[in-house]
Amino acid sequence: ESAAPTEWITGFGWDETLWRPSDLPTRWDIDEVTTDHPVFLRRTDGHVAVANTLALKLAHLTSDTKTGAPNGILRETAQELVSSVVPPPTPEKLRQAIEAALKDIASSGITSVQDFSDDSAAGGWKDFKIFEQLESEGKLTVRISEWLPFNEPLQVLEERRAAHPLSDSMLHTGMLKAFMDGSLGSHTAAMLQPYADDPKNSGLPQYEQSKLNEMAKERLAAGFQLGFHGIGDKGVQMALDAFAEAEKDARAKGVKALDGSDNYRPRVEHAQVTNPVQVARFKELNAIASMQPCHLLTDIHWAESRLGPQRAQHSYAWAEFLNHGVKLAFGTDSPVEPVSPFRGLYAAITRKNENGNQEYYPAQKLTIEQAIAAYTRGSAYAEFAEKEKGTLAAGMLADFVVLDRDLTAIAPEKILGTRVLRTVVGGKTVYQSN
């Protein structure tokens, strides 16, 4: 109601699985609210969006495409057809948003993040430049390892890496992020077999394997760590196959990892649906399972029906990974989920919904000590920083939080109510509760 005439309205966070009936919204649904403003709204996982008729018109989408238009539903990269014509926020608005996010992060007890703002050379790396500005002003309140887009040309990636010191423990560039597939919630995660609740659909792989392999080899040989989003078992398989080819090539060329070893620490982000053979291959490749237990709290209501029981027992397989010696790194995947780690800790040790009345394959539960280790030591290891952070010890960075309860000594359901009393980064208090 307060938007100026013809001003774009954008948003994020809808989830049709919470509605009855669970139908995707279309442009006609949005048109019922407004036809005077172009509207672009992303699903909670970021893998599907809906646009109204005016937004489609401004994007020149007037004929059908295999990815969803003109009904307004845009899956995966098809979203870019509309998002590319949405006016970017002003630098002032962008800084305000980043500062708000930093406050949320500090109050949630987070001292380090790994960020993928989808910055690009074409966009002028605007997010990273604001991070640099905040750091120069002494206002950066969390350590940031900024992931770079895997698809950028190698020369662009090397220039971006050289533009800021990698030795800066507060802010530096990190791994290269690529998307193998979409998400389970939107039925776009790539599966080896069709979805149990959508038998004509196996998801949307985002690469042709041979091209992915060549790109991975080139970038690993140039000294970049690789981190591939893979949610479905086919997406995970694509990542592992590319890692194997890239590692073989790098060793043949004598390329060393960031720590000078031959352990390149490739990462699969999410790894929600795997099978035992893939878990063993993680170990063989020294691949890291970078996972977010809080996703189970969102997915628990429909995951088994979507996957079927055989696949479901190997989904969100935290214990299976640990039992096979695979390194676990936990996070929250904000803004897809709230940034607070306590929901994830609860999910990891209970495999139950937040009401405690639904359980999901409890054999995959962790102990509280294992879950905390994955959030701390595991995540530090995943960015080659385990010698600087991840544990409280003499000589490590002075990053720590003070909580209102001992997470190792309370009933699991009490974890959800945890309050952060103080957050300290580099010896400086960045948040203190009233």
Protein backbone atom coordinates (compact mmCIF):
# COMPACT_ATOMS: atom_id res chain seq x y z
CA GLU A 1 0.00 0.00 0.00
CA SER A 2 2.95 2.33 0.58
CA ALA A 3 4.77 1.46 -2.65
CA ALA A 4 4.96 4.18 -5.28
CA PRO A 5 3.08 3.56 -8.55
CA THR A 6 4.83 0.95 -10.73
CA GLU A 7 7.43 0.31 -7.98
CA TRP A 8 8.69 -3.28 -7.85
CA ILE A 9 7.54 -5.42 -4.94
CA THR A 10 9.95 -8.23 -4.09
CA GLY A 11 9.92 -10.78 -1.31
CA PHE A 12 11.18 -14.11 -0.05
CA GLY A 13 10.01 -16.96 2.14
CA TRP A 14 6.75 -18.53 0.90
CA ASP A 15 6.31 -22.27 1.31
CA GLU A 16 3.37 -23.97 -0.36
CA THR A 17 3.83 -27.13 1.74
CA LEU A 18 2.33 -25.17 4.64
CA TRP A 19 -0.86 -24.41 2.66
CA ARG A 20 -3.95 -26.46 1.93
CA PRO A 21 -4.11 -27.30 -0.86
CA SER A 22 -0.33 -27.33 -1.37
CA ASP A 23 -0.39 -25.70 -4.80
CA LEU A 24 2.30 -23.43 -6.19
CA PRO A 25 1.13 -19.81 -6.56
CA THR A 26 0.81 -18.47 -10.09
CA ARG A 27 0.87 -15.06 -11.71
CA TRP A 28 -2.91 -15.00 -11.62
CA ASP A 29 -2.88 -15.35 -7.83
CA ILE A 30 -0.56 -12.35 -7.53
CA ASP A 31 -2.58 -10.40 -10.08
CA GLU A 32 -5.58 -10.63 -7.76
CA VAL A 33 -3.60 -8.48 -5.30
CA THR A 34 -1.99 -6.04 -7.73
CA THR A 35 -1.67 -5.48 -11.45
CA ASP A 36 -0.12 -2.01 -11.02
CA HIS A 37 3.15 -3.17 -9.50
CA PRO A 38 5.55 -5.77 -10.89
CA VAL A 39 5.92 -8.50 -8.24
CA PHE A 40 8.69 -11.09 -7.83
CA LEU A 41 8.58 -13.45 -4.83
CA ARG A 42 11.09 -16.25 -4.15
CA ARG A 43 10.21 -19.47 -2.39
CA THR A 44 11.80 -20.08 1.03
CA ASP A 45 14.54 -22.26 -0.50
CA GLY A 46 15.40 -19.76 -3.24
CA HIS A 47 14.96 -22.39 -5.97
CA VAL A 48 11.54 -21.33 -7.25
CA ALA A 49 9.93 -17.91 -7.65
CA VAL A 50 6.61 -16.54 -8.80
CA ALA A 51 6.10 -13.35 -10.78
CA ASN A 52 2.91 -11.54 -11.69
CA THR A 53 1.83 -10.64 -15.22
CA LEU A 54 3.37 -7.18 -15.21
CA ALA A 55 6.73 -8.52 -14.06
CA LEU A 56 6.69 -11.13 -16.82
CA LYS A 57 5.83 -8.45 -19.36
CA LEU A 58 8.74 -6.26 -18.24
CA ALA A 59 11.00 -9.29 -18.60
CA HIS A 60 9.60 -9.90 -22.10
CA LEU A 61 8.30 -13.34 -21.14
CA THR A 62 5.25 -13.61 -23.33
CA SER A 63 5.61 -17.17 -24.62
CA ASP A 64 5.96 -20.50 -22.89
CA THR A 65 9.37 -21.83 -21.84
CA LYS A 66 10.29 -25.28 -20.56
CA THR A 67 11.10 -23.76 -17.17
CA GLY A 68 7.68 -22.44 -16.31
CA ALA A 69 6.64 -19.06 -17.78
CA PRO A 70 4.13 -17.69 -18.57
CA ASN A 71 2.15 -19.03 -15.60
CA GLY A 72 4.60 -17.08 -13.46
CA ILE A 73 6.33 -20.07 -11.85
CA LEU A 74 10.08 -19.84 -12.44
CA ARG A 75 12.35 -22.70 -11.41
CA GLU A 76 16.11 -22.54 -10.79
CA THR A 77 18.00 -20.42 -13.36
CA ALA A 78 14.75 -19.38 -15.03
CA GLN A 79 14.34 -16.98 -12.11
CA GLU A 80 17.11 -14.87 -13.61
CA LEU A 81 14.84 -14.00 -16.53
CA VAL A 82 12.86 -11.79 -14.16
CA SER A 83 15.35 -11.04 -11.36
CA SER A 84 17.70 -9.50 -13.95
CA VAL A 85 15.21 -6.71 -14.65
CA VAL A 86 14.46 -5.95 -10.98
CA PRO A 87 16.20 -2.66 -10.09
CA PRO A 88 19.05 -3.31 -7.63
CA PRO A 89 18.88 -1.72 -4.19
CA THR A 90 20.75 1.52 -3.68
CA PRO A 91 24.11 1.24 -1.88
CA GLU A 92 22.47 2.85 1.13
CA LYS A 93 19.64 0.32 1.21
CA LEU A 94 22.07 -2.55 0.72
CA ARG A 95 24.25 -1.38 3.59
CA GLN A 96 21.18 -1.03 5.83
CA ALA A 97 20.19 -4.60 5.02
CA ILE A 98 23.71 -5.91 5.71
CA GLU A 99 23.91 -4.04 9.01
CA ALA A 100 20.54 -5.51 10.04
CA ALA A 101 21.81 -8.99 9.18
CA LEU A 102 24.99 -8.42 11.19
CA LYS A 103 22.91 -7.49 14.26
CA ASP A 104 20.84 -10.65 13.88
CA ILE A 105 23.98 -12.77 13.50
CA ALA A 106 25.66 -11.29 16.59
CA SER A 107 22.54 -11.64 18.75
CA SER A 108 22.27 -15.28 17.66
CA GLY A 109 25.76 -16.10 18.99
CA ILE A 110 27.49 -16.45 15.62
CA THR A 111 31.16 -15.45 15.38
CA SER A 112 31.97 -16.71 11.85
CA VAL A 113 29.92 -17.06 8.69
CA GLN A 114 30.52 -18.35 5.21
CA ASP A 115 28.58 -16.13 2.87
CA PHE A 116 27.38 -16.49 -0.68
CA SER A 117 25.75 -13.22 -1.70
CA ASP A 118 25.92 -14.28 -5.35
CA ASP A 119 28.16 -11.29 -5.95
CA SER A 120 29.56 -11.15 -9.47
CA ALA A 121 31.94 -9.15 -11.60
CA ALA A 122 28.97 -7.82 -13.57
CA GLY A 123 27.41 -6.57 -10.33
CA GLY A 124 30.62 -4.96 -9.17
CA TRP A 125 31.04 -7.26 -6.14
CA LYS A 126 28.86 -4.77 -4.27
CA ASP A 127 28.23 -6.86 -1.16
CA PHE A 128 31.91 -7.58 -0.59
CA LYS A 129 32.78 -3.92 -1.00
CA ILE A 130 30.32 -3.03 1.76
CA PHE A 131 31.93 -5.70 3.95
CA GLU A 132 35.30 -4.05 3.28
CA GLN A 133 33.84 -0.66 4.12
CA LEU A 134 32.44 -1.93 7.41
CA GLU A 135 35.75 -3.59 8.27
CA SER A 136 37.68 -0.37 7.62
CA GLU A 137 35.27 1.45 9.96
CA GLY A 138 35.64 -1.18 12.67
CA LYS A 139 31.99 -2.17 12.30
CA LEU A 140 32.32 -5.69 10.95
CA THR A 141 31.03 -7.84 13.80
CA VAL A 142 31.46 -11.35 12.36
CA ARG A 143 34.24 -13.12 10.48
CA ILE A 144 33.29 -13.64 6.85
CA SER A 145 34.60 -16.13 4.34
CA GLU A 146 33.02 -14.98 1.08
CA TRP A 147 32.31 -17.71 -1.46
CA LEU A 148 32.76 -16.89 -5.13
CA PRO A 149 30.58 -18.02 -8.06
CA PHE A 150 32.06 -21.15 -9.64
CA ASN A 151 30.70 -20.15 -13.04
CA GLU A 152 32.70 -16.91 -13.28
CA PRO A 153 35.64 -17.10 -15.73
CA LEU A 154 38.83 -18.29 -14.07
CA GLN A 155 40.65 -15.00 -14.70
CA VAL A 156 37.83 -13.09 -12.99
CA LEU A 157 38.00 -15.43 -10.00
CA GLU A 158 41.77 -15.05 -9.70
CA GLU A 159 41.47 -11.26 -9.86
CA ARG A 160 38.77 -11.29 -7.19
CA ARG A 161 40.88 -13.52 -4.93
CA ALA A 162 43.87 -11.21 -5.31
CA ALA A 163 41.85 -8.07 -4.52
CA HIS A 164 41.70 -8.72 -0.77
CA PRO A 165 44.31 -10.41 1.46
CA LEU A 166 43.55 -14.08 2.10
CA SER A 167 45.42 -13.66 5.39
CA ASP A 168 42.74 -11.29 6.73
CA SER A 169 41.04 -13.37 9.43
CA MET A 170 38.01 -11.05 9.52
CA LEU A 171 37.23 -10.97 5.81
CA HIS A 172 38.50 -12.94 2.85
CA THR A 173 37.32 -14.86 -0.19
CA GLY A 174 36.89 -18.60 0.15
CA MET A 175 35.62 -21.53 -1.85
CA LEU A 176 33.85 -21.57 -5.21
CA LYS A 177 30.15 -22.38 -5.04
CA ALA A 178 28.27 -24.22 -7.77
CA PHE A 179 24.74 -25.59 -7.85
CA MET A 180 24.31 -29.19 -8.97
CA ASP A 181 20.55 -29.11 -8.48
CA GLY A 182 17.66 -27.43 -6.69
CA SER A 183 15.75 -28.38 -3.54
CA LEU A 184 13.51 -31.16 -2.24
CA GLY A 185 10.81 -28.70 -1.25
CA SER A 186 10.40 -27.50 -4.82
CA HIS A 187 10.91 -30.95 -6.43
CA THR A 188 13.98 -29.60 -8.27
CA ALA A 189 16.69 -31.55 -6.39
CA ALA A 190 18.21 -33.99 -8.89
CA MET A 191 17.38 -37.61 -8.04
CA LEU A 192 18.75 -40.90 -9.36
CA GLN A 193 15.17 -42.20 -9.37
CA PRO A 194 11.91 -40.20 -9.66
CA TYR A 195 10.22 -38.63 -6.66
CA ALA A 196 7.90 -40.99 -4.80
CA ASP A 197 5.16 -38.35 -4.81
CA ASP A 198 5.87 -37.13 -8.36
CA PRO A 199 6.85 -40.23 -10.39
CA LYS A 200 7.37 -38.37 -13.66
CA ASN A 201 9.89 -35.97 -12.13
CA SER A 202 13.54 -36.61 -11.19
CA GLY A 203 14.49 -32.98 -10.57
CA LEU A 204 16.63 -30.52 -12.50
CA PRO A 205 20.39 -31.17 -12.83
CA GLN A 206 22.18 -27.92 -13.52
CA TYR A 207 25.29 -29.15 -15.37
CA GLU A 208 26.34 -31.53 -18.07
CA GLN A 209 28.83 -33.80 -16.27
CA SER A 210 31.77 -33.54 -18.69
CA LYS A 211 31.63 -29.74 -18.68
CA LEU A 212 31.40 -29.71 -14.90
CA ASN A 213 34.43 -31.98 -14.65
CA GLU A 214 36.53 -29.75 -16.89
CA MET A 215 35.56 -26.60 -15.00
CA ALA A 216 36.30 -28.30 -11.67
CA LYS A 217 39.73 -29.45 -12.85
CA GLU A 218 40.64 -25.98 -14.09
CA ARG A 219 39.58 -24.26 -10.88
CA LEU A 220 41.09 -26.76 -8.44
CA ALA A 221 44.36 -26.60 -10.38
CA ALA A 222 44.29 -22.83 -9.86
CA GLY A 223 44.20 -23.33 -6.09
CA PHE A 224 40.50 -22.84 -5.36
CA GLN A 225 38.54 -24.95 -2.91
CA LEU A 226 35.38 -26.41 -4.43
CA GLY A 227 31.99 -26.44 -2.72
CA PHE A 228 29.03 -27.83 -4.64
CA HIS A 229 25.39 -27.56 -3.63
CA GLY A 230 23.96 -31.06 -3.94
CA ILE A 231 20.67 -32.03 -2.29
CA GLY A 232 19.33 -34.97 -4.31
CA ASP A 233 21.38 -38.16 -4.63
CA LYS A 234 22.01 -37.43 -8.32
CA GLY A 235 23.19 -33.90 -7.44
CA VAL A 236 25.52 -35.41 -4.82
CA GLN A 237 26.77 -37.95 -7.38
CA MET A 238 27.53 -35.19 -9.87
CA ALA A 239 29.59 -33.36 -7.24
CA LEU A 240 31.53 -36.46 -6.18
CA ASP A 241 32.30 -37.43 -9.78
CA ALA A 242 33.62 -33.94 -10.50
CA PHE A 243 35.70 -33.92 -7.30
CA ALA A 244 37.27 -37.26 -8.24
CA GLU A 245 38.29 -36.02 -11.68
CA ALA A 246 39.59 -32.70 -10.33
CA GLU A 247 41.59 -34.29 -7.51
CA LYS A 248 43.19 -36.83 -9.84
CA ASP A 249 44.21 -34.04 -12.21
CA ALA A 250 45.50 -31.79 -9.42
CA ARG A 251 47.69 -34.53 -7.91
CA ALA A 252 49.12 -35.35 -11.33
CA LYS A 253 50.08 -31.68 -11.69
CA GLY A 254 51.53 -31.45 -8.18
CA VAL A 255 48.94 -28.91 -7.08
CA LYS A 256 48.75 -28.41 -3.32
CA ALA A 257 45.74 -27.54 -1.22
CA LEU A 258 45.48 -24.29 0.76
CA ASP A 259 47.36 -25.85 3.69
CA GLY A 260 50.14 -27.25 1.50
CA SER A 261 48.84 -30.82 1.63
CA ASP A 262 47.17 -33.09 -0.93
CA ASN A 263 43.85 -32.91 0.94
CA TYR A 264 41.80 -30.45 -1.09
CA ARG A 265 38.78 -30.66 1.22
CA PRO A 266 36.00 -30.43 -1.38
CA ARG A 267 32.59 -29.81 0.11
CA VAL A 268 29.09 -30.94 -0.73
CA GLU A 269 26.67 -28.36 0.59
CA HIS A 270 23.50 -29.94 2.07
CA ALA A 271 23.99 -33.60 0.99
CA GLN A 272 20.44 -34.29 2.13
CA VAL A 273 19.82 -37.49 0.15
CA THR A 274 22.70 -39.95 -0.15
CA ASN A 275 23.23 -43.70 -0.29
CA PRO A 276 25.84 -45.90 1.45
CA VAL A 277 28.06 -46.07 -1.62
CA GLN A 278 28.18 -42.28 -1.80
CA VAL A 279 28.96 -41.97 1.90
CA ALA A 280 31.95 -44.28 1.42
CA ARG A 281 33.05 -42.15 -1.52
CA PHE A 282 32.96 -39.01 0.61
CA LYS A 283 35.56 -40.69 2.83
CA GLU A 284 37.65 -41.82 -0.13
CA LEU A 285 37.77 -38.29 -1.58
CA ASN A 286 38.19 -36.54 1.79
CA ALA A 287 35.01 -34.67 0.91
CA ILE A 288 33.23 -32.72 3.62
CA ALA A 289 29.51 -33.10 4.26
CA SER A 290 28.47 -29.49 4.90
CA MET A 291 24.95 -29.89 6.28
CA GLN A 292 22.21 -27.95 8.04
CA PRO A 293 20.24 -30.05 10.56
CA CYS A 294 17.58 -27.35 10.86
CA HIS A 295 16.36 -28.28 7.36
CA LEU A 296 14.89 -31.44 8.84
CA LEU A 297 12.59 -29.34 11.04
CA THR A 298 11.11 -27.79 7.89
CA ASP A 299 11.09 -30.97 5.79
CA ILE A 300 10.04 -33.58 8.36
CA HIS A 301 6.33 -33.29 7.49
CA TRP A 302 6.74 -34.40 3.88
CA ALA A 303 10.27 -35.79 3.39
CA GLU A 304 9.40 -39.49 3.63
CA SER A 305 6.45 -39.23 1.26
CA ARG A 306 8.61 -37.33 -1.21
CA LEU A 307 11.52 -39.78 -1.06
CA GLY A 308 9.92 -43.10 -0.16
CA PRO A 309 11.14 -45.11 2.87
CA GLN A 310 14.19 -46.69 1.24
CA ARG A 311 15.77 -43.34 0.35
CA ALA A 312 14.44 -41.60 3.44
CA GLN A 313 16.44 -43.82 5.82
CA HIS A 314 19.63 -42.47 4.21
CA SER A 315 18.51 -38.84 4.16
CA TYR A 316 19.86 -36.17 6.51
CA ALA A 317 22.34 -38.94 7.37
CA TRP A 318 24.50 -37.20 9.97
CA ALA A 319 25.36 -40.29 12.01
CA GLU A 320 26.04 -42.36 8.91
CA PHE A 321 28.61 -39.83 7.73
CA LEU A 322 30.33 -39.64 11.12
CA ASN A 323 30.35 -43.42 11.54
CA HIS A 324 32.23 -43.69 8.23
CA GLY A 325 34.84 -41.12 9.20
CA VAL A 326 33.47 -38.31 7.02
CA LYS A 327 34.02 -34.77 8.26
CA LEU A 328 30.79 -32.96 9.16
CA ALA A 329 30.42 -29.17 9.03
CA PHE A 330 27.13 -27.74 10.27
CA GLY A 331 25.47 -24.40 9.52
CA THR A 332 22.01 -22.89 9.19
CA ASP A 333 21.64 -21.92 5.50
CA SER A 334 20.22 -18.52 6.47
CA PRO A 335 18.03 -16.92 5.16
CA VAL A 336 16.42 -20.20 4.07
CA GLU A 337 16.30 -21.03 7.80
CA PRO A 338 16.72 -18.71 10.82
CA VAL A 339 20.39 -18.00 11.50
CA SER A 340 20.29 -19.21 15.12
CA PRO A 341 22.19 -22.52 15.57
CA PHE A 342 20.02 -23.80 18.42
CA ARG A 343 17.25 -25.19 16.20
CA GLY A 344 19.90 -27.17 14.34
CA LEU A 345 21.45 -28.51 17.52
CA TYR A 346 18.01 -29.64 18.68
CA ALA A 347 17.29 -31.31 15.34
CA ALA A 348 20.68 -33.06 15.27
CA ILE A 349 20.23 -34.77 18.64
CA THR A 350 16.49 -35.51 18.51
CA ARG A 351 15.48 -35.97 14.85
CA LYS A 352 12.09 -34.63 16.01
CA ASN A 353 9.94 -31.68 15.05
CA GLU A 354 9.85 -28.71 17.39
CA ASN A 355 6.70 -30.00 19.08
CA GLY A 356 8.46 -33.27 19.81
CA ASN A 357 5.61 -35.38 18.46
CA GLN A 358 7.11 -36.54 15.15
CA GLU A 359 10.40 -38.41 14.75
CA TYR A 360 12.42 -39.09 11.60
CA TYR A 361 14.72 -42.12 11.38
CA PRO A 362 16.29 -41.81 14.84
CA ALA A 363 19.27 -44.02 13.97
CA GLN A 364 20.81 -40.88 12.40
CA LYS A 365 20.80 -38.90 15.68
CA LEU A 366 23.99 -37.39 17.08
CA THR A 367 25.09 -36.67 20.62
CA ILE A 368 25.13 -33.04 21.72
CA GLU A 369 28.94 -33.14 21.80
CA GLN A 370 29.07 -34.39 18.20
CA ALA A 371 26.61 -31.74 17.04
CA ILE A 372 28.50 -28.88 18.74
CA ALA A 373 31.75 -30.16 17.22
CA ALA A 374 30.23 -30.09 13.73
CA TYR A 375 29.15 -26.46 14.20
CA THR A 376 32.55 -25.38 15.56
CA ARG A 377 35.59 -27.53 14.79
CA GLY A 378 33.94 -29.04 11.73
CA SER A 379 33.03 -25.72 10.15
CA ALA A 380 36.48 -24.29 10.88
CA TYR A 381 38.09 -27.33 9.24
CA ALA A 382 35.82 -26.93 6.23
CA GLU A 383 37.38 -23.53 5.48
CA PHE A 384 40.99 -24.53 6.32
CA ALA A 385 40.82 -22.49 9.55
CA GLU A 386 40.96 -25.16 12.27
CA LYS A 387 44.33 -23.84 13.51
CA GLU A 388 42.79 -20.42 14.19
CA LYS A 389 39.25 -21.08 15.39
CA GLY A 390 36.72 -23.72 16.25
CA THR A 391 38.05 -24.53 19.71
CA LEU A 392 38.65 -22.56 22.90
CA ALA A 393 42.37 -22.87 23.46
CA ALA A 394 45.44 -20.71 24.06
CA GLY A 395 46.63 -19.10 20.83
CA MET A 396 43.28 -19.42 19.02
CA LEU A 397 41.18 -16.44 17.99
CA ALA A 398 39.24 -14.99 20.94
CA ASP A 399 35.79 -15.77 19.54
CA PHE A 400 33.23 -17.14 21.98
CA VAL A 401 29.65 -16.82 23.20
CA VAL A 402 28.03 -16.83 26.63
CA LEU A 403 24.67 -18.61 26.86
CA ASP A 404 22.02 -18.71 29.56
CA ARG A 405 22.23 -22.50 29.90
CA ASP A 406 24.65 -25.43 29.57
CA LEU A 407 23.68 -27.15 26.31
CA THR A 408 25.43 -30.36 27.38
CA ALA A 409 23.47 -30.69 30.63
CA ILE A 410 19.84 -29.93 29.73
CA ALA A 411 16.95 -31.82 28.18
CA PRO A 412 17.02 -31.54 24.38
CA GLU A 413 13.76 -29.58 24.17
CA LYS A 414 15.27 -26.90 26.41
CA ILE A 415 17.85 -26.12 23.71
CA LEU A 416 15.19 -24.38 21.63
CA GLY A 417 14.77 -21.67 24.26
CA THR A 418 18.46 -20.84 24.56
CA ARG A 419 19.28 -17.15 24.94
CA VAL A 420 22.58 -15.58 23.95
CA LEU A 421 23.94 -13.34 26.71
CA ARG A 422 27.14 -12.19 25.03
CA THR A 423 28.96 -12.64 21.71
CA VAL A 424 32.69 -11.88 21.48
CA VAL A 425 34.69 -11.71 18.24
CA GLY A 426 38.43 -11.13 18.40
CA GLY A 427 38.19 -10.23 22.07
CA LYS A 428 35.61 -7.50 21.36
CA THR A 429 32.04 -7.76 22.58
CA VAL A 430 29.79 -7.40 19.54
CA TYR A 431 26.54 -8.24 21.32
CA GLN A 432 25.34 -8.18 24.92
CA SER A 433 21.78 -8.86 26.04
CA ASN A 434 19.95 -6.31 28.13
